[in-house]
């Protein structure tokens, strides 16, 4: 941890949370999370990401849950943020996918900062047609990048990382 540096501390403390209480998440909190995603960097500042929020009680939540092996996480969440790329707004597939990843990370960090829990569900994008149909989105216009399931945490997260020395291709 980096003493006194809130950003570096958040990077070290954020965890994937897969279990949630039944307490709803406020619209204000969801907007704060979305706004954090909006501020992610993107190539040429094109900002091709688009968001769809599906909340508990919305019939699309059940349909979305049926599109992933992590259906229990979706069903227990208070809300799911579907992060999409608008195809016409994209200029470079690789750079736009990288930007979407930065957008998602910003939202995960914002969720953590608000005392909420979230997890990045990536497996759900393996079947674009089914996932987009579940949320009534045109697959000719949008590409699903991930679904962020979120809610009030009902578990403590844990994680381990490889030593930095194992990841370096050359010594510093």
Protein backbone atom coordinates (compact mmCIF):
# COMPACT_ATOMS: atom_id res chain seq x y z
CA UNK A 1 0.00 0.00 0.00
CA UNK A 2 0.98 3.57 -0.57
CA UNK A 3 0.49 5.54 2.65
CA UNK A 4 -1.75 8.54 2.16
CA UNK A 5 -2.30 8.12 -1.58
CA UNK A 6 -6.00 7.38 -2.01
CA UNK A 7 -5.71 6.31 -5.64
CA UNK A 8 -2.89 3.84 -5.05
CA UNK A 9 -4.64 2.56 -1.93
CA UNK A 10 -7.84 1.98 -3.92
CA UNK A 11 -5.91 0.05 -6.56
CA UNK A 12 -4.57 -2.27 -3.87
CA UNK A 13 -7.80 -2.56 -1.84
CA UNK A 14 -10.42 -3.05 -4.59
CA UNK A 15 -11.68 -6.62 -4.85
CA UNK A 16 -14.18 -8.47 -7.00
CA UNK A 17 -17.34 -8.89 -4.95
CA UNK A 18 -19.74 -11.59 -6.07
CA UNK A 19 -22.28 -11.68 -3.21
CA UNK A 20 -24.63 -8.84 -2.32
CA UNK A 21 -27.23 -7.96 0.26
CA UNK A 22 -30.82 -7.24 -0.79
CA UNK A 23 -30.34 -3.50 -0.23
CA UNK A 24 -30.87 -1.46 -3.42
CA UNK A 25 -28.18 0.83 -4.80
CA UNK A 26 -29.22 4.46 -5.12
CA UNK A 27 -29.64 6.12 -8.50
CA UNK A 28 -27.13 8.75 -7.33
CA UNK A 29 -24.49 6.06 -6.70
CA UNK A 30 -25.12 4.47 -10.09
CA UNK A 31 -24.76 7.85 -11.81
CA UNK A 32 -21.50 8.46 -9.93
CA UNK A 33 -20.19 5.08 -11.14
CA UNK A 34 -21.23 5.79 -14.73
CA UNK A 35 -19.63 9.22 -14.59
CA UNK A 36 -16.34 7.64 -13.51
CA UNK A 37 -16.50 5.40 -16.57
CA UNK A 38 -17.21 8.39 -18.78
CA UNK A 39 -13.89 9.94 -17.74
CA UNK A 40 -11.73 7.02 -18.91
CA UNK A 41 -9.15 7.75 -21.60
CA UNK A 42 -9.91 6.78 -25.19
CA UNK A 43 -8.01 7.01 -28.46
CA UNK A 44 -8.74 10.30 -30.23
CA UNK A 45 -11.05 11.00 -27.27
CA UNK A 46 -13.79 9.25 -29.24
CA UNK A 47 -15.48 7.83 -26.10
CA UNK A 48 -17.28 5.01 -27.96
CA UNK A 49 -18.64 3.37 -24.81
CA UNK A 50 -22.33 3.33 -24.03
CA UNK A 51 -24.05 2.12 -20.87
CA UNK A 52 -27.26 0.31 -20.11
CA UNK A 53 -28.25 -0.11 -16.47
CA UNK A 54 -30.49 -3.07 -15.70
CA UNK A 55 -31.80 -3.05 -12.13
CA UNK A 56 -33.33 -5.76 -9.96
CA UNK A 57 -36.96 -6.22 -10.93
CA UNK A 58 -36.37 -5.43 -14.60
CA UNK A 59 -37.39 -8.49 -16.68
CA UNK A 60 -34.17 -8.09 -18.68
CA UNK A 61 -32.20 -9.03 -15.54
CA UNK A 62 -33.46 -12.62 -15.70
CA UNK A 63 -32.78 -12.81 -19.43
CA UNK A 64 -29.27 -11.46 -18.87
CA UNK A 65 -28.67 -14.00 -16.10
CA UNK A 66 -29.57 -16.79 -18.51
CA UNK A 67 -26.68 -15.71 -20.78
CA UNK A 68 -23.88 -16.51 -18.34
CA UNK A 69 -22.61 -19.34 -16.20
CA UNK A 70 -22.44 -16.69 -13.45
CA UNK A 71 -26.22 -16.33 -13.40
CA UNK A 72 -26.29 -16.50 -9.58
CA UNK A 73 -24.19 -13.32 -9.42
CA UNK A 74 -26.45 -11.45 -11.82
CA UNK A 75 -29.59 -12.55 -9.98
CA UNK A 76 -28.24 -11.46 -6.56
CA UNK A 77 -26.98 -8.07 -7.77
CA UNK A 78 -28.89 -4.85 -7.23
CA UNK A 79 -27.97 -3.67 -10.72
CA UNK A 80 -25.94 -4.63 -13.73
CA UNK A 81 -24.14 -2.09 -15.88
CA UNK A 82 -23.83 -3.31 -19.45
CA UNK A 83 -20.80 -1.68 -21.06
CA UNK A 84 -21.07 -1.56 -24.82
CA UNK A 85 -19.15 -0.05 -27.70
CA UNK A 86 -21.11 1.82 -30.33
CA UNK A 87 -19.74 0.41 -33.57
CA UNK A 88 -20.13 3.62 -35.60
CA UNK A 89 -18.24 5.60 -32.93
CA UNK A 90 -15.24 3.22 -33.01
CA UNK A 91 -12.11 4.09 -34.98
CA UNK A 92 -9.67 1.35 -33.95
CA UNK A 93 -10.87 -1.99 -32.65
CA UNK A 94 -7.83 -2.59 -30.44
CA UNK A 95 -7.69 0.93 -29.03
CA UNK A 96 -11.43 1.06 -28.44
CA UNK A 97 -11.34 -2.27 -26.60
CA UNK A 98 -8.48 -0.95 -24.48
CA UNK A 99 -10.51 2.18 -23.76
CA UNK A 100 -13.51 0.07 -22.74
CA UNK A 101 -11.25 -1.78 -20.30
CA UNK A 102 -10.13 1.54 -18.79
CA UNK A 103 -13.77 2.62 -18.58
CA UNK A 104 -14.70 -0.59 -16.75
CA UNK A 105 -11.76 -0.25 -14.35
CA UNK A 106 -12.79 3.34 -13.56
CA UNK A 107 -16.29 2.12 -12.71
CA UNK A 108 -14.95 -0.69 -10.51
CA UNK A 109 -12.78 1.78 -8.60
CA UNK A 110 -15.69 4.20 -8.21
CA UNK A 111 -17.87 1.37 -6.90
CA UNK A 112 -15.19 0.54 -4.33
CA UNK A 113 -14.85 4.22 -3.36
CA UNK A 114 -18.60 4.34 -2.66
CA UNK A 115 -18.38 1.34 -0.32
CA UNK A 116 -20.21 -0.88 -2.78
CA UNK A 117 -19.09 -4.15 -4.34
CA UNK A 118 -18.85 -5.15 -7.97
CA UNK A 119 -17.46 -7.77 -10.29
CA UNK A 120 -16.49 -7.59 -13.95
CA UNK A 121 -18.33 -10.35 -15.83
CA UNK A 122 -16.54 -11.01 -19.08
CA UNK A 123 -17.71 -14.53 -19.94
CA UNK A 124 -21.14 -13.15 -20.87
CA UNK A 125 -19.71 -11.56 -24.03
CA UNK A 126 -18.90 -14.95 -25.56
CA UNK A 127 -22.39 -15.10 -27.07
CA UNK A 128 -22.96 -11.55 -28.29
CA UNK A 129 -26.24 -12.36 -30.05
CA UNK A 130 -27.93 -13.89 -27.02
CA UNK A 131 -26.60 -11.31 -24.56
CA UNK A 132 -27.61 -8.35 -26.70
CA UNK A 133 -31.02 -9.87 -27.42
CA UNK A 134 -31.56 -10.32 -23.67
CA UNK A 135 -31.20 -6.56 -23.15
CA UNK A 136 -33.00 -5.57 -26.37
CA UNK A 137 -29.92 -4.04 -28.01
CA UNK A 138 -29.20 -4.15 -31.75
CA UNK A 139 -26.10 -6.26 -32.38
CA UNK A 140 -25.50 -4.42 -35.65
CA UNK A 141 -24.99 -1.17 -33.73
CA UNK A 142 -23.36 -2.28 -30.47
CA UNK A 143 -20.80 -4.73 -29.12
CA UNK A 144 -21.07 -5.87 -25.51
CA UNK A 145 -17.75 -5.52 -23.65
CA UNK A 146 -18.71 -6.63 -20.16
CA UNK A 147 -21.40 -6.59 -17.54
CA UNK A 148 -20.59 -5.12 -14.15
CA UNK A 149 -22.73 -6.70 -11.44
CA UNK A 150 -22.94 -4.53 -8.35
CA UNK A 151 -24.59 -4.13 -4.99
CA UNK A 152 -23.95 -3.74 -1.30
CA UNK A 153 -21.27 -6.31 -0.39
CA UNK A 154 -22.26 -9.45 1.48
CA UNK A 155 -18.71 -10.82 1.53
CA UNK A 156 -15.13 -9.71 1.96
CA UNK A 157 -13.02 -9.95 -1.16
CA UNK A 158 -9.60 -11.51 -1.34
CA UNK A 159 -6.88 -11.62 -3.92
CA UNK A 160 -3.26 -12.47 -4.43
CA UNK A 161 -0.86 -11.19 -7.04
CA UNK A 162 2.27 -12.63 -8.54
CA UNK A 163 5.45 -10.85 -7.45
CA UNK A 164 6.39 -7.98 -9.74
CA UNK A 165 9.70 -9.72 -10.45
CA UNK A 166 7.74 -12.60 -12.08
CA UNK A 167 6.07 -10.18 -14.48
CA UNK A 168 9.09 -8.18 -15.61
CA UNK A 169 10.73 -9.25 -18.85
CA UNK A 170 13.90 -7.45 -17.73
CA UNK A 171 15.17 -6.45 -14.31
CA UNK A 172 14.84 -2.78 -13.37
